[in-house]
N, C-alpha and C. Protein backbone atom coordinates (compact mmCIF):
# COMPACT_ATOMS: atom_id res chain seq x y z
N MET A 1 -86.27 4.00 -38.31
CA MET A 1 -86.64 3.85 -39.70
C MET A 1 -87.07 5.22 -40.24
N SER A 2 -86.59 5.54 -41.38
CA SER A 2 -86.92 6.81 -42.01
C SER A 2 -88.06 6.61 -43.00
N LEU A 3 -89.10 7.39 -42.85
CA LEU A 3 -90.22 7.33 -43.77
C LEU A 3 -90.02 8.39 -44.83
N ILE A 4 -90.12 8.00 -46.08
CA ILE A 4 -89.81 8.95 -47.15
C ILE A 4 -91.07 9.40 -47.88
N ALA A 5 -90.98 10.59 -48.40
CA ALA A 5 -92.08 11.17 -49.17
C ALA A 5 -91.62 11.32 -50.61
N GLU A 6 -91.32 10.21 -51.21
CA GLU A 6 -90.95 10.17 -52.61
C GLU A 6 -92.03 9.39 -53.35
N PRO A 7 -92.38 9.82 -54.56
CA PRO A 7 -93.34 9.03 -55.32
C PRO A 7 -92.88 7.59 -55.43
N TRP A 8 -93.79 6.70 -55.18
CA TRP A 8 -93.46 5.28 -55.25
C TRP A 8 -93.16 4.88 -56.68
N GLN A 9 -93.80 5.53 -57.61
CA GLN A 9 -93.57 5.32 -59.05
C GLN A 9 -92.52 6.34 -59.46
N ARG A 10 -91.28 5.98 -59.37
CA ARG A 10 -90.15 6.91 -59.44
C ARG A 10 -90.04 7.72 -60.73
N ALA A 11 -90.43 7.19 -61.85
CA ALA A 11 -90.24 7.89 -63.11
C ALA A 11 -91.17 9.10 -63.26
N GLU A 12 -92.18 9.17 -62.42
CA GLU A 12 -93.15 10.26 -62.53
C GLU A 12 -92.66 11.50 -61.77
N VAL A 13 -92.93 12.65 -62.32
CA VAL A 13 -92.56 13.91 -61.68
C VAL A 13 -93.84 14.64 -61.31
N ALA A 14 -93.94 15.02 -60.05
CA ALA A 14 -95.19 15.59 -59.55
C ALA A 14 -95.40 17.05 -59.89
N GLY A 15 -94.38 17.78 -60.20
CA GLY A 15 -94.52 19.20 -60.45
C GLY A 15 -94.10 20.00 -59.22
N THR A 16 -94.46 21.26 -59.19
CA THR A 16 -93.99 22.13 -58.11
C THR A 16 -94.81 22.00 -56.83
N LYS A 17 -96.04 21.59 -56.94
CA LYS A 17 -96.91 21.47 -55.78
C LYS A 17 -97.07 20.00 -55.41
N LYS A 18 -96.57 19.61 -54.22
CA LYS A 18 -96.63 18.22 -53.79
C LYS A 18 -97.48 18.09 -52.53
N ALA A 19 -97.92 16.88 -52.28
CA ALA A 19 -98.75 16.59 -51.11
C ALA A 19 -97.98 16.85 -49.81
N LEU A 20 -98.72 17.35 -48.84
CA LEU A 20 -98.17 17.47 -47.50
C LEU A 20 -98.22 16.08 -46.85
N ILE A 21 -97.26 15.81 -46.01
CA ILE A 21 -97.15 14.50 -45.39
C ILE A 21 -98.08 14.39 -44.18
N ILE A 22 -98.78 13.28 -44.10
CA ILE A 22 -99.57 12.96 -42.91
C ILE A 22 -98.62 12.27 -41.95
N ASN A 23 -98.06 13.04 -41.03
CA ASN A 23 -97.15 12.43 -40.07
C ASN A 23 -97.82 12.21 -38.71
N LYS A 24 -99.03 12.70 -38.58
CA LYS A 24 -99.82 12.47 -37.37
C LYS A 24 -101.24 12.13 -37.81
N PRO A 25 -101.82 11.07 -37.28
CA PRO A 25 -103.19 10.71 -37.67
C PRO A 25 -104.22 11.77 -37.25
N GLU A 26 -103.86 12.62 -36.31
CA GLU A 26 -104.75 13.70 -35.89
C GLU A 26 -105.09 14.63 -37.04
N ILE A 27 -104.17 14.77 -37.99
CA ILE A 27 -104.39 15.63 -39.15
C ILE A 27 -105.61 15.14 -39.94
N VAL A 28 -105.63 13.85 -40.23
CA VAL A 28 -106.73 13.29 -41.02
C VAL A 28 -108.04 13.34 -40.24
N ALA A 29 -107.98 12.98 -38.96
CA ALA A 29 -109.19 13.01 -38.13
C ALA A 29 -109.77 14.42 -38.09
N ALA A 30 -108.92 15.42 -37.95
CA ALA A 30 -109.39 16.81 -37.91
C ALA A 30 -109.98 17.24 -39.26
N MET A 31 -109.35 16.82 -40.35
CA MET A 31 -109.87 17.17 -41.67
C MET A 31 -111.25 16.56 -41.90
N ILE A 32 -111.42 15.31 -41.49
CA ILE A 32 -112.70 14.64 -41.66
C ILE A 32 -113.77 15.35 -40.82
N LYS A 33 -113.43 15.68 -39.59
CA LYS A 33 -114.39 16.35 -38.71
C LYS A 33 -114.78 17.72 -39.23
N ARG A 34 -113.83 18.45 -39.80
CA ARG A 34 -114.10 19.80 -40.29
C ARG A 34 -114.85 19.82 -41.63
N ALA A 35 -114.70 18.75 -42.40
CA ALA A 35 -115.32 18.72 -43.73
C ALA A 35 -116.84 18.75 -43.62
N LYS A 36 -117.44 19.55 -44.47
CA LYS A 36 -118.91 19.61 -44.52
C LYS A 36 -119.46 18.46 -45.35
N ARG A 37 -118.73 18.10 -46.41
CA ARG A 37 -119.19 17.04 -47.32
C ARG A 37 -118.01 16.16 -47.74
N PRO A 38 -117.59 15.24 -46.88
CA PRO A 38 -116.50 14.33 -47.27
C PRO A 38 -117.04 13.13 -48.04
N ILE A 39 -116.17 12.50 -48.80
CA ILE A 39 -116.50 11.27 -49.52
C ILE A 39 -115.26 10.37 -49.48
N LEU A 40 -115.50 9.07 -49.38
CA LEU A 40 -114.42 8.08 -49.32
C LEU A 40 -114.52 7.19 -50.56
N VAL A 41 -113.47 7.16 -51.36
CA VAL A 41 -113.42 6.38 -52.58
C VAL A 41 -112.50 5.18 -52.32
N VAL A 42 -113.05 3.97 -52.45
CA VAL A 42 -112.33 2.76 -52.06
C VAL A 42 -112.14 1.84 -53.25
N GLY A 43 -110.91 1.41 -53.46
CA GLY A 43 -110.58 0.51 -54.56
C GLY A 43 -110.35 -0.92 -54.12
N HIS A 44 -110.12 -1.79 -55.09
CA HIS A 44 -110.05 -3.23 -54.85
C HIS A 44 -108.84 -3.68 -54.03
N GLN A 45 -107.83 -2.86 -53.91
CA GLN A 45 -106.65 -3.30 -53.17
C GLN A 45 -106.91 -3.46 -51.68
N VAL A 46 -107.97 -2.85 -51.17
CA VAL A 46 -108.30 -3.06 -49.75
C VAL A 46 -108.79 -4.48 -49.50
N VAL A 47 -109.31 -5.13 -50.53
CA VAL A 47 -109.77 -6.51 -50.40
C VAL A 47 -108.57 -7.46 -50.45
N GLU A 48 -107.58 -7.10 -51.22
CA GLU A 48 -106.42 -7.95 -51.42
C GLU A 48 -105.37 -7.81 -50.33
N THR A 49 -105.40 -6.73 -49.55
CA THR A 49 -104.35 -6.46 -48.58
C THR A 49 -104.67 -7.08 -47.23
N GLU A 50 -103.82 -8.03 -46.82
CA GLU A 50 -103.93 -8.68 -45.52
C GLU A 50 -103.20 -7.85 -44.48
N LEU A 51 -103.84 -7.65 -43.34
CA LEU A 51 -103.22 -6.90 -42.26
C LEU A 51 -102.64 -7.86 -41.22
N SER A 52 -101.96 -7.31 -40.26
CA SER A 52 -101.22 -8.11 -39.29
C SER A 52 -102.11 -9.01 -38.43
N GLU A 53 -103.33 -8.63 -38.18
CA GLU A 53 -104.19 -9.40 -37.29
C GLU A 53 -105.10 -10.37 -38.06
N GLY A 54 -104.76 -10.69 -39.28
CA GLY A 54 -105.57 -11.60 -40.07
C GLY A 54 -106.76 -10.92 -40.72
N GLU A 55 -106.94 -9.65 -40.46
CA GLU A 55 -108.02 -8.90 -41.10
C GLU A 55 -107.55 -8.42 -42.47
N LYS A 56 -108.50 -8.01 -43.26
CA LYS A 56 -108.19 -7.37 -44.53
C LYS A 56 -108.35 -5.87 -44.35
N ALA A 57 -107.69 -5.13 -45.18
CA ALA A 57 -107.76 -3.67 -45.09
C ALA A 57 -109.20 -3.17 -45.24
N ILE A 58 -110.03 -3.89 -45.98
CA ILE A 58 -111.43 -3.46 -46.16
C ILE A 58 -112.15 -3.39 -44.81
N ASP A 59 -111.82 -4.28 -43.89
CA ASP A 59 -112.44 -4.25 -42.56
C ASP A 59 -112.08 -2.97 -41.82
N ARG A 60 -110.82 -2.56 -41.94
CA ARG A 60 -110.37 -1.33 -41.29
C ARG A 60 -111.05 -0.12 -41.92
N ILE A 61 -111.21 -0.14 -43.24
CA ILE A 61 -111.82 1.00 -43.94
C ILE A 61 -113.31 1.09 -43.62
N ILE A 62 -113.99 -0.05 -43.52
CA ILE A 62 -115.40 -0.04 -43.15
C ILE A 62 -115.57 0.56 -41.76
N GLU A 63 -114.71 0.18 -40.84
CA GLU A 63 -114.78 0.72 -39.48
C GLU A 63 -114.57 2.24 -39.50
N LEU A 64 -113.62 2.70 -40.27
CA LEU A 64 -113.36 4.14 -40.38
C LEU A 64 -114.57 4.85 -40.98
N ALA A 65 -115.13 4.30 -42.06
CA ALA A 65 -116.28 4.93 -42.72
C ALA A 65 -117.49 5.00 -41.80
N LYS A 66 -117.74 3.92 -41.06
CA LYS A 66 -118.87 3.92 -40.12
C LYS A 66 -118.66 4.94 -39.00
N THR A 67 -117.47 4.98 -38.47
CA THR A 67 -117.17 5.91 -37.37
C THR A 67 -117.32 7.35 -37.82
N ALA A 68 -116.78 7.67 -38.99
CA ALA A 68 -116.82 9.04 -39.50
C ALA A 68 -118.13 9.39 -40.19
N GLU A 69 -118.96 8.37 -40.47
CA GLU A 69 -120.22 8.56 -41.19
C GLU A 69 -119.98 9.24 -42.54
N ILE A 70 -119.02 8.68 -43.29
CA ILE A 70 -118.66 9.21 -44.60
C ILE A 70 -119.33 8.35 -45.68
N PRO A 71 -119.92 8.98 -46.70
CA PRO A 71 -120.42 8.19 -47.82
C PRO A 71 -119.26 7.52 -48.55
N VAL A 72 -119.46 6.27 -48.93
CA VAL A 72 -118.41 5.47 -49.56
C VAL A 72 -118.79 5.13 -50.99
N VAL A 73 -117.83 5.31 -51.90
CA VAL A 73 -117.97 4.86 -53.27
C VAL A 73 -117.06 3.66 -53.44
N ALA A 74 -117.65 2.52 -53.74
CA ALA A 74 -116.89 1.30 -54.01
C ALA A 74 -116.56 1.28 -55.49
N THR A 75 -115.29 1.15 -55.81
CA THR A 75 -114.89 1.08 -57.21
C THR A 75 -114.63 -0.37 -57.59
N ALA A 76 -114.41 -0.57 -58.85
CA ALA A 76 -114.12 -1.90 -59.39
C ALA A 76 -115.23 -2.88 -59.04
N HIS A 77 -114.86 -4.04 -58.58
CA HIS A 77 -115.80 -5.13 -58.34
C HIS A 77 -116.02 -5.40 -56.85
N ILE A 78 -115.70 -4.46 -55.99
CA ILE A 78 -115.69 -4.77 -54.55
C ILE A 78 -117.02 -4.53 -53.84
N ILE A 79 -118.04 -4.13 -54.54
CA ILE A 79 -119.34 -3.91 -53.89
C ILE A 79 -119.78 -5.17 -53.15
N LYS A 80 -119.54 -6.33 -53.75
CA LYS A 80 -119.92 -7.59 -53.12
C LYS A 80 -119.18 -7.80 -51.80
N GLU A 81 -117.91 -7.42 -51.75
CA GLU A 81 -117.12 -7.57 -50.52
C GLU A 81 -117.69 -6.70 -49.40
N PHE A 82 -118.12 -5.51 -49.74
CA PHE A 82 -118.76 -4.65 -48.74
C PHE A 82 -120.06 -5.27 -48.24
N LEU A 83 -120.89 -5.69 -49.17
CA LEU A 83 -122.19 -6.26 -48.81
C LEU A 83 -122.03 -7.54 -47.99
N ASN A 84 -121.04 -8.37 -48.31
CA ASN A 84 -120.78 -9.59 -47.54
C ASN A 84 -120.41 -9.28 -46.09
N ARG A 85 -119.90 -8.08 -45.86
CA ARG A 85 -119.51 -7.66 -44.51
C ARG A 85 -120.61 -6.84 -43.83
N GLY A 86 -121.78 -6.78 -44.46
CA GLY A 86 -122.91 -6.08 -43.87
C GLY A 86 -122.83 -4.57 -44.00
N PHE A 87 -122.02 -4.08 -44.92
CA PHE A 87 -121.87 -2.63 -45.11
C PHE A 87 -122.37 -2.28 -46.50
N ASN A 88 -123.26 -1.30 -46.58
CA ASN A 88 -123.83 -0.89 -47.86
C ASN A 88 -123.23 0.46 -48.27
N PRO A 89 -122.30 0.46 -49.25
CA PRO A 89 -121.73 1.73 -49.69
C PRO A 89 -122.80 2.63 -50.31
N SER A 90 -122.53 3.90 -50.34
CA SER A 90 -123.47 4.87 -50.92
C SER A 90 -123.63 4.66 -52.42
N SER A 91 -122.55 4.20 -53.07
CA SER A 91 -122.59 4.01 -54.52
C SER A 91 -121.45 3.09 -54.94
N HIS A 92 -121.52 2.62 -56.17
CA HIS A 92 -120.39 1.94 -56.77
C HIS A 92 -120.28 2.40 -58.22
N MET A 93 -119.05 2.67 -58.62
CA MET A 93 -118.77 3.11 -59.98
C MET A 93 -117.29 2.96 -60.23
N SER A 94 -116.89 3.12 -61.47
CA SER A 94 -115.47 2.99 -61.79
C SER A 94 -114.71 4.18 -61.22
N ILE A 95 -113.43 3.98 -60.99
CA ILE A 95 -112.59 5.06 -60.46
C ILE A 95 -112.53 6.23 -61.44
N MET A 96 -112.53 5.93 -62.73
CA MET A 96 -112.49 7.01 -63.71
C MET A 96 -113.78 7.83 -63.67
N GLU A 97 -114.90 7.18 -63.46
CA GLU A 97 -116.17 7.90 -63.40
C GLU A 97 -116.25 8.80 -62.18
N ILE A 98 -115.88 8.28 -61.01
CA ILE A 98 -115.95 9.12 -59.80
C ILE A 98 -114.93 10.25 -59.89
N GLY A 99 -113.77 9.98 -60.48
CA GLY A 99 -112.77 11.04 -60.67
C GLY A 99 -113.30 12.14 -61.57
N SER A 100 -114.00 11.75 -62.61
CA SER A 100 -114.58 12.71 -63.54
C SER A 100 -115.71 13.50 -62.88
N ARG A 101 -116.54 12.82 -62.12
CA ARG A 101 -117.65 13.51 -61.45
C ARG A 101 -117.13 14.50 -60.40
N LEU A 102 -116.10 14.13 -59.68
CA LEU A 102 -115.55 15.03 -58.66
C LEU A 102 -114.98 16.30 -59.28
N GLN A 103 -114.56 16.22 -60.54
CA GLN A 103 -114.06 17.40 -61.25
C GLN A 103 -115.16 18.30 -61.77
N ALA A 104 -116.33 17.73 -62.02
CA ALA A 104 -117.43 18.48 -62.64
C ALA A 104 -117.98 19.54 -61.68
N PRO A 105 -117.94 20.80 -62.06
CA PRO A 105 -118.40 21.87 -61.17
C PRO A 105 -119.90 21.83 -60.89
N ASP A 106 -120.67 21.21 -61.77
CA ASP A 106 -122.12 21.18 -61.58
C ASP A 106 -122.64 19.88 -60.97
N TRP A 107 -121.74 18.95 -60.61
CA TRP A 107 -122.18 17.70 -60.00
C TRP A 107 -122.60 17.96 -58.56
N THR A 108 -123.78 17.49 -58.21
CA THR A 108 -124.32 17.75 -56.86
C THR A 108 -124.16 16.57 -55.92
N GLY A 109 -123.26 15.68 -56.23
CA GLY A 109 -122.95 14.58 -55.33
C GLY A 109 -123.88 13.40 -55.49
N LEU A 110 -123.59 12.36 -54.73
CA LEU A 110 -124.36 11.12 -54.79
C LEU A 110 -125.79 11.32 -54.32
N ASP A 111 -125.99 12.27 -53.40
CA ASP A 111 -127.30 12.50 -52.81
C ASP A 111 -127.98 13.76 -53.32
N GLY A 112 -127.35 14.47 -54.26
CA GLY A 112 -127.94 15.68 -54.80
C GLY A 112 -127.86 16.88 -53.87
N MET A 113 -127.06 16.79 -52.81
CA MET A 113 -126.99 17.86 -51.80
C MET A 113 -125.83 18.83 -52.01
N GLY A 114 -125.07 18.68 -53.08
CA GLY A 114 -124.00 19.62 -53.35
C GLY A 114 -122.65 18.95 -53.51
N ALA A 115 -121.67 19.77 -53.88
CA ALA A 115 -120.32 19.28 -54.14
C ALA A 115 -119.64 18.83 -52.86
N TYR A 116 -118.69 17.95 -53.01
CA TYR A 116 -117.89 17.48 -51.87
C TYR A 116 -116.73 18.42 -51.65
N ASP A 117 -116.32 18.57 -50.40
CA ASP A 117 -115.19 19.43 -50.10
C ASP A 117 -113.94 18.64 -49.70
N LEU A 118 -114.10 17.34 -49.45
CA LEU A 118 -112.97 16.48 -49.09
C LEU A 118 -113.17 15.10 -49.72
N ALA A 119 -112.21 14.67 -50.51
CA ALA A 119 -112.26 13.33 -51.12
C ALA A 119 -111.07 12.53 -50.59
N ILE A 120 -111.38 11.37 -50.02
CA ILE A 120 -110.36 10.50 -49.44
C ILE A 120 -110.28 9.25 -50.31
N PHE A 121 -109.07 8.89 -50.69
CA PHE A 121 -108.85 7.74 -51.57
C PHE A 121 -108.04 6.68 -50.85
N VAL A 122 -108.43 5.42 -51.06
CA VAL A 122 -107.68 4.30 -50.49
C VAL A 122 -107.95 3.05 -51.33
N GLY A 123 -106.91 2.24 -51.51
CA GLY A 123 -107.08 0.97 -52.21
C GLY A 123 -107.12 1.04 -53.72
N ILE A 124 -106.78 2.17 -54.28
CA ILE A 124 -106.78 2.34 -55.74
C ILE A 124 -105.36 1.98 -56.22
N PRO A 125 -105.22 1.27 -57.35
CA PRO A 125 -103.88 1.01 -57.86
C PRO A 125 -103.11 2.33 -57.99
N TYR A 126 -101.84 2.30 -57.62
CA TYR A 126 -101.03 3.51 -57.52
C TYR A 126 -101.10 4.38 -58.77
N TYR A 127 -100.87 3.79 -59.92
CA TYR A 127 -100.82 4.57 -61.17
C TYR A 127 -102.18 5.18 -61.51
N MET A 128 -103.27 4.50 -61.15
CA MET A 128 -104.61 5.06 -61.42
C MET A 128 -104.92 6.21 -60.47
N GLU A 129 -104.59 6.02 -59.20
CA GLU A 129 -104.81 7.10 -58.23
C GLU A 129 -103.98 8.32 -58.59
N TRP A 130 -102.77 8.09 -59.07
CA TRP A 130 -101.90 9.18 -59.51
C TRP A 130 -102.61 10.03 -60.57
N VAL A 131 -103.19 9.38 -61.56
CA VAL A 131 -103.86 10.08 -62.65
C VAL A 131 -105.11 10.81 -62.15
N ILE A 132 -105.92 10.15 -61.34
CA ILE A 132 -107.13 10.77 -60.80
C ILE A 132 -106.77 12.00 -59.97
N LEU A 133 -105.79 11.85 -59.09
CA LEU A 133 -105.40 12.98 -58.23
C LEU A 133 -104.78 14.12 -59.03
N THR A 134 -104.09 13.80 -60.11
CA THR A 134 -103.55 14.85 -60.99
C THR A 134 -104.69 15.67 -61.57
N GLY A 135 -105.71 14.99 -62.06
CA GLY A 135 -106.87 15.70 -62.61
C GLY A 135 -107.57 16.55 -61.58
N LEU A 136 -107.75 16.00 -60.38
CA LEU A 136 -108.43 16.76 -59.33
C LEU A 136 -107.60 17.96 -58.88
N LYS A 137 -106.28 17.77 -58.81
CA LYS A 137 -105.39 18.88 -58.41
C LYS A 137 -105.50 20.04 -59.39
N ASN A 138 -105.64 19.72 -60.67
CA ASN A 138 -105.67 20.76 -61.69
C ASN A 138 -107.05 21.29 -62.03
N PHE A 139 -108.10 20.48 -61.83
CA PHE A 139 -109.41 20.87 -62.31
C PHE A 139 -110.50 20.92 -61.25
N ALA A 140 -110.16 20.65 -60.01
CA ALA A 140 -111.14 20.73 -58.92
C ALA A 140 -110.47 21.40 -57.72
N GLN A 141 -110.08 22.65 -57.90
CA GLN A 141 -109.29 23.33 -56.88
C GLN A 141 -110.02 23.56 -55.56
N ASN A 142 -111.34 23.48 -55.53
CA ASN A 142 -112.08 23.65 -54.27
C ASN A 142 -112.21 22.35 -53.50
N LEU A 143 -111.68 21.27 -54.04
CA LEU A 143 -111.75 19.96 -53.41
C LEU A 143 -110.40 19.62 -52.78
N LYS A 144 -110.41 19.31 -51.50
CA LYS A 144 -109.20 18.82 -50.83
C LYS A 144 -109.14 17.31 -51.00
N THR A 145 -107.97 16.78 -51.25
CA THR A 145 -107.82 15.35 -51.44
C THR A 145 -106.83 14.77 -50.45
N VAL A 146 -107.14 13.56 -49.99
CA VAL A 146 -106.28 12.84 -49.05
C VAL A 146 -106.10 11.42 -49.58
N SER A 147 -104.86 10.98 -49.63
CA SER A 147 -104.59 9.59 -49.98
C SER A 147 -104.25 8.84 -48.70
N LEU A 148 -105.07 7.85 -48.37
CA LEU A 148 -104.80 7.02 -47.19
C LEU A 148 -104.08 5.72 -47.57
N ASP A 149 -103.57 5.64 -48.79
CA ASP A 149 -102.80 4.47 -49.18
C ASP A 149 -101.43 4.52 -48.52
N ARG A 150 -100.77 3.39 -48.56
CA ARG A 150 -99.49 3.31 -47.85
C ARG A 150 -98.30 3.81 -48.66
N PHE A 151 -98.54 4.28 -49.87
CA PHE A 151 -97.47 4.83 -50.68
C PHE A 151 -97.77 6.30 -50.97
N TYR A 152 -96.74 7.12 -50.89
CA TYR A 152 -96.87 8.56 -51.07
C TYR A 152 -97.47 8.91 -52.43
N GLN A 153 -98.52 9.71 -52.41
CA GLN A 153 -99.18 10.20 -53.62
C GLN A 153 -98.96 11.71 -53.70
N PRO A 154 -98.00 12.17 -54.49
CA PRO A 154 -97.67 13.60 -54.50
C PRO A 154 -98.77 14.52 -55.02
N HIS A 155 -99.74 14.00 -55.77
CA HIS A 155 -100.78 14.86 -56.32
C HIS A 155 -101.96 15.09 -55.39
N ALA A 156 -102.00 14.40 -54.27
CA ALA A 156 -103.04 14.66 -53.27
C ALA A 156 -102.65 15.93 -52.52
N ASN A 157 -103.60 16.49 -51.78
CA ASN A 157 -103.23 17.60 -50.88
C ASN A 157 -102.48 17.05 -49.67
N TRP A 158 -102.92 15.88 -49.20
CA TRP A 158 -102.30 15.22 -48.05
C TRP A 158 -102.10 13.75 -48.39
N SER A 159 -100.98 13.18 -47.96
CA SER A 159 -100.70 11.77 -48.22
C SER A 159 -99.80 11.21 -47.13
N PHE A 160 -99.98 9.92 -46.84
CA PHE A 160 -99.00 9.23 -46.01
C PHE A 160 -97.68 9.17 -46.77
N PRO A 161 -96.56 9.13 -46.05
CA PRO A 161 -95.30 8.80 -46.74
C PRO A 161 -95.33 7.31 -47.08
N ASN A 162 -94.29 6.81 -47.70
CA ASN A 162 -94.22 5.37 -47.98
C ASN A 162 -94.10 4.63 -46.65
N LEU A 163 -95.08 3.79 -46.35
CA LEU A 163 -95.15 3.12 -45.05
C LEU A 163 -95.08 1.61 -45.18
N PRO A 164 -94.43 0.96 -44.22
CA PRO A 164 -94.53 -0.50 -44.15
C PRO A 164 -95.98 -0.87 -43.78
N LEU A 165 -96.39 -2.07 -44.13
CA LEU A 165 -97.77 -2.49 -43.93
C LEU A 165 -98.23 -2.35 -42.49
N GLN A 166 -97.42 -2.76 -41.53
CA GLN A 166 -97.80 -2.71 -40.13
C GLN A 166 -97.99 -1.26 -39.66
N LYS A 167 -97.11 -0.38 -40.06
CA LYS A 167 -97.22 1.03 -39.67
C LYS A 167 -98.47 1.66 -40.30
N TRP A 168 -98.77 1.30 -41.53
CA TRP A 168 -99.97 1.80 -42.21
C TRP A 168 -101.23 1.37 -41.46
N ASP A 169 -101.27 0.10 -41.08
CA ASP A 169 -102.40 -0.43 -40.32
C ASP A 169 -102.57 0.34 -39.01
N GLU A 170 -101.46 0.59 -38.33
CA GLU A 170 -101.51 1.35 -37.07
C GLU A 170 -102.08 2.75 -37.29
N GLN A 171 -101.68 3.40 -38.37
CA GLN A 171 -102.17 4.74 -38.66
C GLN A 171 -103.67 4.76 -38.93
N LEU A 172 -104.16 3.76 -39.69
CA LEU A 172 -105.59 3.68 -39.95
C LEU A 172 -106.38 3.45 -38.66
N LYS A 173 -105.86 2.60 -37.77
CA LYS A 173 -106.51 2.36 -36.48
C LYS A 173 -106.54 3.64 -35.65
N LEU A 174 -105.44 4.36 -35.64
CA LEU A 174 -105.37 5.60 -34.86
C LEU A 174 -106.36 6.65 -35.36
N ILE A 175 -106.48 6.77 -36.66
CA ILE A 175 -107.45 7.73 -37.23
C ILE A 175 -108.86 7.37 -36.77
N THR A 176 -109.21 6.09 -36.87
CA THR A 176 -110.54 5.64 -36.46
C THR A 176 -110.75 5.88 -34.97
N ASN A 177 -109.75 5.57 -34.16
CA ASN A 177 -109.87 5.79 -32.71
C ASN A 177 -110.02 7.26 -32.37
N LEU A 178 -109.30 8.12 -33.06
CA LEU A 178 -109.44 9.56 -32.84
C LEU A 178 -110.84 10.05 -33.19
N LEU A 179 -111.39 9.52 -34.27
CA LEU A 179 -112.75 9.88 -34.66
C LEU A 179 -113.76 9.38 -33.62
N LYS A 180 -113.53 8.19 -33.07
CA LYS A 180 -114.40 7.65 -32.02
C LYS A 180 -114.35 8.52 -30.78
N GLU A 181 -113.14 8.92 -30.39
CA GLU A 181 -112.97 9.77 -29.20
C GLU A 181 -113.72 11.08 -29.36
N ARG A 182 -113.65 11.65 -30.53
CA ARG A 182 -114.33 12.93 -30.77
C ARG A 182 -115.84 12.74 -30.76
N GLU A 183 -116.30 11.61 -31.29
CA GLU A 183 -117.75 11.32 -31.25
C GLU A 183 -118.22 11.19 -29.81
N GLU A 184 -117.45 10.44 -29.01
CA GLU A 184 -117.82 10.23 -27.61
C GLU A 184 -117.76 11.53 -26.83
N GLY A 185 -116.81 12.41 -27.21
CA GLY A 185 -116.67 13.69 -26.53
C GLY A 185 -117.82 14.63 -26.81
N THR A 186 -118.46 14.48 -27.98
CA THR A 186 -119.58 15.36 -28.33
C THR A 186 -120.92 14.77 -27.96
N ALA A 187 -120.91 13.49 -27.58
CA ALA A 187 -122.19 12.83 -27.25
C ALA A 187 -122.66 13.19 -25.87
């Protein structure tokens, strides 16, 4: 099976600078480990997406966030879904608000400790993530962006290619396992 790196929303043109493909989960694990101030922005599609083992994508994302110890921003109405699973996100706000804050050069983050250097997006509707990542690409050049969604996002710095659901689930598991291995190796 050939995995393609074409925008899922075909009519859109990304410009001259496109996202690099995440073809190995080690890339994402290494980026998370190296980041001084990462943030994970999670949208409602993680609640709606059923995975192969009867789990929802939100369960996989919670596991990743806990393992990596990344602050999570819950967008839309999914704060309740996180809380029902015993996970308390760092914040909740609209995707447009967090996108705007990430662009602001004087924003000191959710905890007041400074700007983020890595923003990871997952579960955001494709067209909305496209717009947010376009703004960040053009107006927040010191911020690296990663799209962990299963459809290629050309405006991120790094993105998965278009993936079938099962392959996407496998990649998320591998990233979490790599982060666990590194934690155990440093403990």
